[in-house]
Amino acid sequence: MMKLRLVTAALGVLLSTTVAYADFRDSLLKRDTIVVGTTGSAPPFSMIDTSGKLAGFDIAVMEKVAADLGVKVEFVQLDWAGLLPGLVANRFDVVSSGVTRTAARLSSKDLIMLSPYIINGVTVTKLAANDAIKGWDDVCGKSVGVIRGSSELDSIKASLPADCLGKVVEYPGWTELSLDLKNKRIDWIGMDYLGPAYLAKSDKAITVLHDFRSPKTQSVAVSPSDGELAKAIDPLLAKYRADGSLNELVKQYFGEGVDFSKLPADPTN
């Protein structure tokens, strides 16, 4: 009788685990595969490496997640401006491309923002030879380039005095931004700190101010139709933050780690 009870209990656990495991697969666009939207043009979050393959922090995070969930991962490249609308249109299960956890996104019914996978902030990127810009106080009235559809513009406005912001020019990605900066069509780039700081290490023509403002967290956005997938991925991100494996990826791709014990509060407005 005792053996029968043990077998029955074990079977119950197995069945409940199988049901939970199957739930997130049932909502995927392709069963056994997580379809991920990413830019491929925001080094080192998402980029094309020297061999022509998609690489970067976001790619590594989602490959690790997929492996731990026992499924495949498929990446679809798209300009940033089309990624979140594509998620709403059910083109992807996930968007993994340095998505900032804004108040609007955290409260949105069109997507599910997961817990933080990195800490970042907005800063000034400029030509190294441009001595007219030494800090935030020097950018008033000067033309700035930003990524089309990104959240950085709001952070920039919050970091500057009223009526300080000059002409704003939008671009699809870093390649176009940096080219126009070097051709002096814009005076500075308003973007996150970690990405440009990584790129500046191999491009001496540009420099990034270490004074970054509006500390923020970024993570993965999941389609609202993939609620069970969100529930499966978020505990993994928490585990990666706790066991140090996430910070190892941060160091690998950005050259410096972050202190996850000092996460900024989630924005509320």
C-alpha atoms as a PDB file:
ATOM      1  CA  MET A   1       0.000   0.000   0.000  1.00  0.00           C
ATOM      2  CA  MET A   2       2.858   2.363   0.898  1.00  0.00           C
ATOM      3  CA  LYS A   3       4.553   1.679  -2.471  1.00  0.00           C
ATOM      4  CA  LEU A   4       1.271   2.334  -4.268  1.00  0.00           C
ATOM      5  CA  ARG A   5       0.901   5.687  -2.479  1.00  0.00           C
ATOM      6  CA  LEU A   6       4.451   6.679  -3.330  1.00  0.00           C
ATOM      7  CA  VAL A   7       3.978   5.732  -6.980  1.00  0.00           C
ATOM      8  CA  THR A   8       0.678   7.623  -7.101  1.00  0.00           C
ATOM      9  CA  ALA A   9       2.232  10.719  -5.502  1.00  0.00           C
ATOM     10  CA  ALA A  10       5.217  10.589  -7.859  1.00  0.00           C
ATOM     11  CA  LEU A  11       2.888  10.211 -10.828  1.00  0.00           C
ATOM     12  CA  GLY A  12       0.874  13.223  -9.656  1.00  0.00           C
ATOM     13  CA  VAL A  13       4.010  15.380  -9.424  1.00  0.00           C
ATOM     14  CA  LEU A  14       5.142  14.196 -12.848  1.00  0.00           C
ATOM     15  CA  LEU A  15       1.767  14.970 -14.407  1.00  0.00           C
ATOM     16  CA  SER A  16       1.550  18.427 -12.822  1.00  0.00           C
ATOM     17  CA  THR A  17       5.091  19.217 -13.972  1.00  0.00           C
ATOM     18  CA  THR A  18       4.323  17.999 -17.481  1.00  0.00           C
ATOM     19  CA  VAL A  19       1.166  20.121 -17.660  1.00  0.00           C
ATOM     20  CA  ALA A  20       3.031  23.233 -16.471  1.00  0.00           C
ATOM     21  CA  TYR A  21       5.853  22.495 -18.908  1.00  0.00           C
ATOM     22  CA  ALA A  22       3.433  21.990 -21.783  1.00  0.00           C
ATOM     23  CA  ASP A  23       1.454  25.151 -21.024  1.00  0.00           C
ATOM     24  CA  PHE A  24       4.068  27.622 -22.227  1.00  0.00           C
ATOM     25  CA  ARG A  25       4.790  25.528 -25.319  1.00  0.00           C
ATOM     26  CA  ASP A  26       1.123  25.543 -26.280  1.00  0.00           C
ATOM     27  CA  SER A  27       1.110  29.322 -26.698  1.00  0.00           C
ATOM     28  CA  LEU A  28       4.331  29.562 -28.740  1.00  0.00           C
ATOM     29  CA  LEU A  29       4.107  30.604 -32.383  1.00  0.00           C
ATOM     30  CA  LYS A  30       6.097  27.475 -33.210  1.00  0.00           C
ATOM     31  CA  ARG A  31       5.825  24.672 -30.692  1.00  0.00           C
ATOM     32  CA  ASP A  32       9.208  23.836 -29.146  1.00  0.00           C
ATOM     33  CA  THR A  33      10.677  27.119 -30.473  1.00  0.00           C
ATOM     34  CA  ILE A  34      10.726  30.615 -28.936  1.00  0.00           C
ATOM     35  CA  VAL A  35      10.563  33.195 -31.744  1.00  0.00           C
ATOM     36  CA  VAL A  36      12.554  36.257 -30.672  1.00  0.00           C
ATOM     37  CA  GLY A  37      12.488  39.696 -32.298  1.00  0.00           C
ATOM     38  CA  THR A  38      15.785  41.608 -32.124  1.00  0.00           C
ATOM     39  CA  THR A  39      17.549  44.377 -34.060  1.00  0.00           C
ATOM     40  CA  GLY A  40      21.004  42.991 -34.813  1.00  0.00           C
ATOM     41  CA  SER A  41      22.098  46.647 -34.980  1.00  0.00           C
ATOM     42  CA  ALA A  42      22.599  47.667 -31.331  1.00  0.00           C
ATOM     43  CA  PRO A  43      26.038  46.382 -30.265  1.00  0.00           C
ATOM     44  CA  PRO A  44      26.693  44.694 -27.928  1.00  0.00           C
ATOM     45  CA  PHE A  45      23.050  44.000 -27.041  1.00  0.00           C
ATOM     46  CA  SER A  46      22.243  42.637 -30.493  1.00  0.00           C
ATOM     47  CA  MET A  47      24.713  42.700 -33.387  1.00  0.00           C
ATOM     48  CA  ILE A  48      26.283  40.880 -36.312  1.00  0.00           C
ATOM     49  CA  ASP A  49      29.720  39.481 -35.432  1.00  0.00           C
ATOM     50  CA  THR A  50      32.798  39.289 -37.661  1.00  0.00           C
ATOM     51  CA  SER A  51      31.656  35.953 -39.070  1.00  0.00           C
ATOM     52  CA  GLY A  52      28.329  37.438 -40.144  1.00  0.00           C
ATOM     53  CA  LYS A  53      26.293  35.717 -37.425  1.00  0.00           C
ATOM     54  CA  LEU A  54      23.810  37.267 -35.014  1.00  0.00           C
ATOM     55  CA  ALA A  55      25.441  37.727 -31.608  1.00  0.00           C
ATOM     56  CA  GLY A  56      25.366  39.851 -28.467  1.00  0.00           C
ATOM     57  CA  PHE A  57      24.100  39.974 -24.899  1.00  0.00           C
ATOM     58  CA  ASP A  58      20.422  39.604 -25.805  1.00  0.00           C
ATOM     59  CA  ILE A  59      21.173  36.670 -28.049  1.00  0.00           C
ATOM     60  CA  ALA A  60      23.211  34.931 -25.339  1.00  0.00           C
ATOM     61  CA  VAL A  61      20.500  35.513 -22.704  1.00  0.00           C
ATOM     62  CA  MET A  62      17.758  34.034 -24.873  1.00  0.00           C
ATOM     63  CA  GLU A  63      19.922  31.084 -25.925  1.00  0.00           C
ATOM     64  CA  LYS A  64      20.572  30.344 -22.240  1.00  0.00           C
ATOM     65  CA  VAL A  65      16.864  30.672 -21.395  1.00  0.00           C
ATOM     66  CA  ALA A  66      15.815  28.409 -24.278  1.00  0.00           C
ATOM     67  CA  ALA A  67      18.379  25.770 -23.301  1.00  0.00           C
ATOM     68  CA  ASP A  68      17.139  25.752 -19.697  1.00  0.00           C
ATOM     69  CA  LEU A  69      13.527  25.482 -20.871  1.00  0.00           C
ATOM     70  CA  GLY A  70      14.399  22.648 -23.248  1.00  0.00           C
ATOM     71  CA  VAL A  71      13.254  24.416 -26.417  1.00  0.00           C
ATOM     72  CA  LYS A  72      14.838  25.917 -29.533  1.00  0.00           C
ATOM     73  CA  VAL A  73      15.186  29.637 -30.201  1.00  0.00           C
ATOM     74  CA  GLU A  74      14.714  31.440 -33.516  1.00  0.00           C
ATOM     75  CA  PHE A  75      15.736  35.074 -34.016  1.00  0.00           C
ATOM     76  CA  VAL A  76      14.011  37.508 -36.375  1.00  0.00           C
ATOM     77  CA  GLN A  77      15.779  40.796 -37.166  1.00  0.00           C
ATOM     78  CA  LEU A  78      13.859  44.053 -37.472  1.00  0.00           C
ATOM     79  CA  ASP A  79      14.537  47.760 -36.921  1.00  0.00           C
ATOM     80  CA  TRP A  80      13.842  48.794 -33.327  1.00  0.00           C
ATOM     81  CA  ALA A  81      10.793  50.874 -34.296  1.00  0.00           C
ATOM     82  CA  GLY A  82       9.046  47.737 -35.558  1.00  0.00           C
ATOM     83  CA  LEU A  83       9.880  45.342 -32.724  1.00  0.00           C
ATOM     84  CA  LEU A  84       7.278  46.157 -30.068  1.00  0.00           C
ATOM     85  CA  PRO A  85       4.511  46.713 -32.661  1.00  0.00           C
ATOM     86  CA  GLY A  86       5.546  43.331 -34.078  1.00  0.00           C
ATOM     87  CA  LEU A  87       5.162  41.783 -30.634  1.00  0.00           C
ATOM     88  CA  VAL A  88       1.671  43.282 -30.334  1.00  0.00           C
ATOM     89  CA  ALA A  89       0.877  41.896 -33.808  1.00  0.00           C
ATOM     90  CA  ASN A  90       1.991  38.434 -32.620  1.00  0.00           C
ATOM     91  CA  ARG A  91       4.975  38.200 -34.976  1.00  0.00           C
ATOM     92  CA  PHE A  92       7.215  37.121 -32.073  1.00  0.00           C
ATOM     93  CA  ASP A  93       6.892  35.411 -28.725  1.00  0.00           C
ATOM     94  CA  VAL A  94       9.560  37.659 -27.238  1.00  0.00           C
ATOM     95  CA  VAL A  95      11.450  40.868 -27.985  1.00  0.00           C
ATOM     96  CA  SER A  96      15.003  40.780 -26.661  1.00  0.00           C
ATOM     97  CA  SER A  97      16.895  43.889 -27.731  1.00  0.00           C
ATOM     98  CA  GLY A  98      17.655  46.099 -24.723  1.00  0.00           C
ATOM     99  CA  VAL A  99      14.009  46.896 -23.973  1.00  0.00           C
ATOM    100  CA  THR A 100      13.816  49.608 -21.301  1.00  0.00           C
ATOM    101  CA  ARG A 101      11.359  48.926 -18.484  1.00  0.00           C
ATOM    102  CA  THR A 102       9.362  52.167 -18.675  1.00  0.00           C
ATOM    103  CA  ALA A 103       6.245  52.879 -16.618  1.00  0.00           C
ATOM    104  CA  ALA A 104       4.094  52.664 -19.751  1.00  0.00           C
ATOM    105  CA  ARG A 105       5.518  49.291 -20.728  1.00  0.00           C
ATOM    106  CA  LEU A 106       5.275  47.894 -17.215  1.00  0.00           C
ATOM    107  CA  SER A 107       1.576  48.747 -17.088  1.00  0.00           C
ATOM    108  CA  SER A 108       0.791  47.923 -20.720  1.00  0.00           C
ATOM    109  CA  LYS A 109      -1.701  45.229 -21.688  1.00  0.00           C
ATOM    110  CA  ASP A 110       0.061  44.859 -25.047  1.00  0.00           C
ATOM    111  CA  LEU A 111       3.192  43.235 -23.625  1.00  0.00           C
ATOM    112  CA  ILE A 112       4.629  41.662 -20.489  1.00  0.00           C
ATOM    113  CA  MET A 113       7.857  43.230 -19.220  1.00  0.00           C
ATOM    114  CA  LEU A 114      10.014  40.790 -17.282  1.00  0.00           C
ATOM    115  CA  SER A 115      12.245  41.574 -14.300  1.00  0.00           C
ATOM    116  CA  PRO A 116      15.604  43.322 -14.937  1.00  0.00           C
ATOM    117  CA  TYR A 117      18.490  41.695 -16.758  1.00  0.00           C
ATOM    118  CA  ILE A 118      20.761  44.779 -16.730  1.00  0.00           C
ATOM    119  CA  ILE A 119      21.103  48.277 -15.230  1.00  0.00           C
ATOM    120  CA  ASN A 120      21.802  51.165 -17.588  1.00  0.00           C
ATOM    121  CA  GLY A 121      21.288  54.904 -18.003  1.00  0.00           C
ATOM    122  CA  VAL A 122      21.249  57.642 -20.648  1.00  0.00           C
ATOM    123  CA  THR A 123      24.332  59.685 -21.486  1.00  0.00           C
ATOM    124  CA  VAL A 124      26.039  61.875 -24.056  1.00  0.00           C
ATOM    125  CA  THR A 125      28.085  60.329 -26.867  1.00  0.00           C
ATOM    126  CA  LYS A 126      30.126  62.786 -28.925  1.00  0.00           C
ATOM    127  CA  LEU A 127      33.141  63.118 -31.165  1.00  0.00           C
ATOM    128  CA  ALA A 128      36.317  62.856 -29.122  1.00  0.00           C
ATOM    129  CA  ALA A 129      37.622  65.967 -30.879  1.00  0.00           C
ATOM    130  CA  ASN A 130      34.561  68.047 -29.979  1.00  0.00           C
ATOM    131  CA  ASP A 131      35.837  70.211 -27.121  1.00  0.00           C
ATOM    132  CA  ALA A 132      32.643  72.276 -27.131  1.00  0.00           C
ATOM    133  CA  ILE A 133      30.823  69.459 -25.326  1.00  0.00           C
ATOM    134  CA  LYS A 134      32.404  68.546 -22.003  1.00  0.00           C
ATOM    135  CA  GLY A 135      29.237  67.664 -20.081  1.00  0.00           C
ATOM    136  CA  TRP A 136      25.462  67.772 -20.014  1.00  0.00           C
ATOM    137  CA  ASP A 137      25.524  71.557 -19.508  1.00  0.00           C
ATOM    138  CA  ASP A 138      27.086  71.977 -22.954  1.00  0.00           C
ATOM    139  CA  VAL A 139      24.464  70.224 -25.105  1.00  0.00           C
ATOM    140  CA  CYS A 140      21.703  72.843 -24.842  1.00  0.00           C
ATOM    141  CA  GLY A 141      20.575  73.963 -28.287  1.00  0.00           C
ATOM    142  CA  LYS A 142      22.772  71.427 -30.072  1.00  0.00           C
ATOM    143  CA  SER A 143      21.362  68.815 -32.461  1.00  0.00           C
ATOM    144  CA  VAL A 144      20.995  65.308 -31.045  1.00  0.00           C
ATOM    145  CA  GLY A 145      20.517  61.933 -32.712  1.00  0.00           C
ATOM    146  CA  VAL A 146      18.350  59.249 -31.107  1.00  0.00           C
ATOM    147  CA  ILE A 147      17.119  55.769 -32.024  1.00  0.00           C
ATOM    148  CA  ARG A 148      13.671  55.936 -33.618  1.00  0.00           C
ATOM    149  CA  GLY A 149      11.022  54.650 -31.234  1.00  0.00           C
ATOM    150  CA  SER A 150      13.385  54.374 -28.243  1.00  0.00           C
ATOM    151  CA  SER A 151      12.641  55.618 -24.726  1.00  0.00           C
ATOM    152  CA  GLU A 152      15.874  57.631 -24.470  1.00  0.00           C
ATOM    153  CA  LEU A 153      14.310  60.898 -25.620  1.00  0.00           C
ATOM    154  CA  ASP A 154      12.126  61.119 -22.498  1.00  0.00           C
ATOM    155  CA  SER A 155      15.163  60.409 -20.302  1.00  0.00           C
ATOM    156  CA  ILE A 156      17.160  63.085 -22.115  1.00  0.00           C
ATOM    157  CA  LYS A 157      14.402  65.655 -21.612  1.00  0.00           C
ATOM    158  CA  ALA A 158      14.285  64.755 -17.912  1.00  0.00           C
ATOM    159  CA  SER A 159      18.055  65.265 -17.668  1.00  0.00           C
ATOM    160  CA  LEU A 160      18.073  68.748 -19.226  1.00  0.00           C
ATOM    161  CA  PRO A 161      16.654  72.130 -18.215  1.00  0.00           C
ATOM    162  CA  ALA A 162      13.381  73.223 -19.822  1.00  0.00           C
ATOM    163  CA  ASP A 163      13.747  74.526 -23.401  1.00  0.00           C
ATOM    164  CA  CYS A 164      17.330  73.208 -23.538  1.00  0.00           C
ATOM    165  CA  LEU A 165      16.839  70.404 -26.063  1.00  0.00           C
ATOM    166  CA  GLY A 166      17.950  71.303 -29.586  1.00  0.00           C
ATOM    167  CA  LYS A 167      16.989  69.698 -32.895  1.00  0.00           C
ATOM    168  CA  VAL A 168      16.190  65.976 -32.571  1.00  0.00           C
ATOM    169  CA  VAL A 169      17.000  63.632 -35.478  1.00  0.00           C
ATOM    170  CA  GLU A 170      15.803  60.003 -35.397  1.00  0.00           C
ATOM    171  CA  TYR A 171      17.731  57.035 -36.815  1.00  0.00           C
ATOM    172  CA  PRO A 172      17.024  53.302 -37.236  1.00  0.00           C
ATOM    173  CA  GLY A 173      20.234  52.180 -35.480  1.00  0.00           C
ATOM    174  CA  TRP A 174      23.782  52.829 -34.303  1.00  0.00           C
ATOM    175  CA  THR A 175      25.420  52.613 -37.741  1.00  0.00           C
ATOM    176  CA  GLU A 176      23.448  55.563 -39.089  1.00  0.00           C
ATOM    177  CA  LEU A 177      23.797  57.501 -35.822  1.00  0.00           C
ATOM    178  CA  SER A 178      27.568  57.200 -35.642  1.00  0.00           C
ATOM    179  CA  LEU A 179      28.003  57.984 -39.358  1.00  0.00           C
ATOM    180  CA  ASP A 180      26.082  61.256 -39.074  1.00  0.00           C
ATOM    181  CA  LEU A 181      27.960  62.132 -35.885  1.00  0.00           C
ATOM    182  CA  LYS A 182      31.285  61.673 -37.669  1.00  0.00           C
ATOM    183  CA  ASN A 183      30.023  63.684 -40.649  1.00  0.00           C
ATOM    184  CA  LYS A 184      28.936  66.400 -38.182  1.00  0.00           C
ATOM    185  CA  ARG A 185      25.287  66.312 -39.240  1.00  0.00           C
ATOM    186  CA  ILE A 186      24.448  66.015 -35.534  1.00  0.00           C
ATOM    187  CA  ASP A 187      26.379  67.317 -32.519  1.00  0.00           C
ATOM    188  CA  TRP A 188      25.808  64.440 -30.117  1.00  0.00           C
ATOM    189  CA  ILE A 189      24.045  61.121 -29.642  1.00  0.00           C
ATOM    190  CA  GLY A 190      21.510  60.652 -26.851  1.00  0.00           C
ATOM    191  CA  MET A 191      21.592  56.966 -26.043  1.00  0.00           C
ATOM    192  CA  ASP A 192      22.224  54.493 -23.268  1.00  0.00           C
ATOM    193  CA  TYR A 193      25.632  54.317 -21.584  1.00  0.00           C
ATOM    194  CA  LEU A 194      26.636  50.663 -21.914  1.00  0.00           C
ATOM    195  CA  GLY A 195      26.208  50.211 -25.669  1.00  0.00           C
ATOM    196  CA  PRO A 196      28.145  53.285 -26.863  1.00  0.00           C
ATOM    197  CA  ALA A 197      30.773  52.807 -24.112  1.00  0.00           C
ATOM    198  CA  TYR A 198      31.424  49.326 -25.521  1.00  0.00           C
ATOM    199  CA  LEU A 199      31.688  50.673 -29.083  1.00  0.00           C
ATOM    200  CA  ALA A 200      33.941  53.582 -28.085  1.00  0.00           C
ATOM    201  CA  LYS A 201      36.600  51.123 -26.947  1.00  0.00           C
ATOM    202  CA  SER A 202      37.282  50.206 -30.570  1.00  0.00           C
ATOM    203  CA  ASP A 203      36.447  53.575 -32.157  1.00  0.00           C
ATOM    204  CA  LYS A 204      38.728  56.355 -30.956  1.00  0.00           C
ATOM    205  CA  ALA A 205      36.772  58.959 -32.936  1.00  0.00           C
ATOM    206  CA  ILE A 206      33.959  58.894 -30.389  1.00  0.00           C
ATOM    207  CA  THR A 207      33.791  59.216 -26.633  1.00  0.00           C
ATOM    208  CA  VAL A 208      31.066  58.653 -24.045  1.00  0.00           C
ATOM    209  CA  LEU A 209      30.501  60.767 -20.947  1.00  0.00           C
ATOM    210  CA  HIS A 210      30.677  58.686 -17.777  1.00  0.00           C
ATOM    211  CA  ASP A 211      28.009  60.921 -16.237  1.00  0.00           C
ATOM    212  CA  PHE A 212      24.925  58.895 -17.096  1.00  0.00           C
ATOM    213  CA  ARG A 213      21.504  60.074 -15.967  1.00  0.00           C
ATOM    214  CA  SER A 214      18.079  58.527 -15.332  1.00  0.00           C
ATOM    215  CA  PRO A 215      19.236  55.080 -14.121  1.00  0.00           C
ATOM    216  CA  LYS A 216      17.014  52.443 -15.673  1.00  0.00           C
ATOM    217  CA  THR A 217      16.615  48.725 -15.997  1.00  0.00           C
ATOM    218  CA  GLN A 218      16.168  46.759 -19.194  1.00  0.00           C
ATOM    219  CA  SER A 219      14.876  43.277 -19.901  1.00  0.00           C
ATOM    220  CA  VAL A 220      12.865  41.018 -22.156  1.00  0.00           C
ATOM    221  CA  ALA A 221       9.347  41.813 -23.392  1.00  0.00           C
ATOM    222  CA  VAL A 222       6.928  38.903 -23.876  1.00  0.00           C
ATOM    223  CA  SER A 223       3.719  38.773 -25.893  1.00  0.00           C
ATOM    224  CA  PRO A 224       0.597  38.916 -23.678  1.00  0.00           C
ATOM    225  CA  SER A 225      -0.599  35.762 -25.438  1.00  0.00           C
ATOM    226  CA  ASP A 226       2.478  34.005 -24.021  1.00  0.00           C
ATOM    227  CA  GLY A 227       1.687  34.523 -20.342  1.00  0.00           C
ATOM    228  CA  GLU A 228       2.869  31.055 -19.359  1.00  0.00           C
ATOM    229  CA  LEU A 229       6.139  31.676 -21.187  1.00  0.00           C
ATOM    230  CA  ALA A 230       6.632  34.867 -19.142  1.00  0.00           C
ATOM    231  CA  LYS A 231       6.022  32.854 -15.973  1.00  0.00           C
ATOM    232  CA  ALA A 232       8.629  30.324 -17.119  1.00  0.00           C
ATOM    233  CA  ILE A 233      11.321  32.863 -18.090  1.00  0.00           C
ATOM    234  CA  ASP A 234      11.094  35.314 -15.173  1.00  0.00           C
ATOM    235  CA  PRO A 235      12.183  32.812 -12.467  1.00  0.00           C
ATOM    236  CA  LEU A 236      15.155  31.926 -14.667  1.00  0.00           C
ATOM    237  CA  LEU A 237      16.209  35.604 -14.840  1.00  0.00           C
ATOM    238  CA  ALA A 238      15.910  35.798 -11.054  1.00  0.00           C
ATOM    239  CA  LYS A 239      18.068  32.676 -10.754  1.00  0.00           C
ATOM    240  CA  TYR A 240      20.675  34.104 -13.145  1.00  0.00           C
ATOM    241  CA  ARG A 241      20.829  37.365 -11.157  1.00  0.00           C
ATOM    242  CA  ALA A 242      21.285  35.448  -7.894  1.00  0.00           C
ATOM    243  CA  ASP A 243      23.854  32.875  -9.044  1.00  0.00           C
ATOM    244  CA  GLY A 244      26.063  35.367 -10.908  1.00  0.00           C
ATOM    245  CA  SER A 245      25.623  33.785 -14.336  1.00  0.00           C
ATOM    246  CA  LEU A 246      23.793  36.850 -15.659  1.00  0.00           C
ATOM    247  CA  ASN A 247      26.592  39.143 -14.521  1.00  0.00           C
ATOM    248  CA  GLU A 248      29.096  36.891 -16.260  1.00  0.00           C
ATOM    249  CA  LEU A 249      27.276  37.582 -19.534  1.00  0.00           C
ATOM    250  CA  VAL A 250      27.158  41.302 -18.701  1.00  0.00           C
ATOM    251  CA  LYS A 251      30.941  41.328 -18.178  1.00  0.00           C
ATOM    252  CA  GLN A 252      31.522  39.266 -21.323  1.00  0.00           C
ATOM    253  CA  TYR A 253      29.648  41.669 -23.575  1.00  0.00           C
ATOM    254  CA  PHE A 254      30.010  45.042 -21.826  1.00  0.00           C
ATOM    255  CA  GLY A 255      33.371  44.655 -20.095  1.00  0.00           C
ATOM    256  CA  GLU A 256      32.018  45.597 -16.662  1.00  0.00           C
ATOM    257  CA  GLY A 257      29.449  44.067 -14.352  1.00  0.00           C
ATOM    258  CA  VAL A 258      26.467  45.628 -12.614  1.00  0.00           C
ATOM    259  CA  ASP A 259      25.363  45.462  -8.983  1.00  0.00           C
ATOM    260  CA  PHE A 260      21.963  43.757  -9.026  1.00  0.00           C
ATOM    261  CA  SER A 261      21.596  44.443  -5.301  1.00  0.00           C
ATOM    262  CA  LYS A 262      21.162  48.136  -6.214  1.00  0.00           C
ATOM    263  CA  LEU A 263      18.354  47.935  -8.736  1.00  0.00           C
ATOM    264  CA  PRO A 264      16.651  51.314  -9.247  1.00  0.00           C
ATOM    265  CA  ALA A 265      12.968  51.382  -8.392  1.00  0.00           C
ATOM    266  CA  ASP A 266      10.528  50.623 -11.175  1.00  0.00           C
ATOM    267  CA  PRO A 267       9.286  53.836 -12.803  1.00  0.00           C
ATOM    268  CA  THR A 268       5.702  54.812 -12.051  1.00  0.00           C
ATOM    269  CA  ASN A 269       5.201  57.738 -14.434  1.00  0.00           C
END
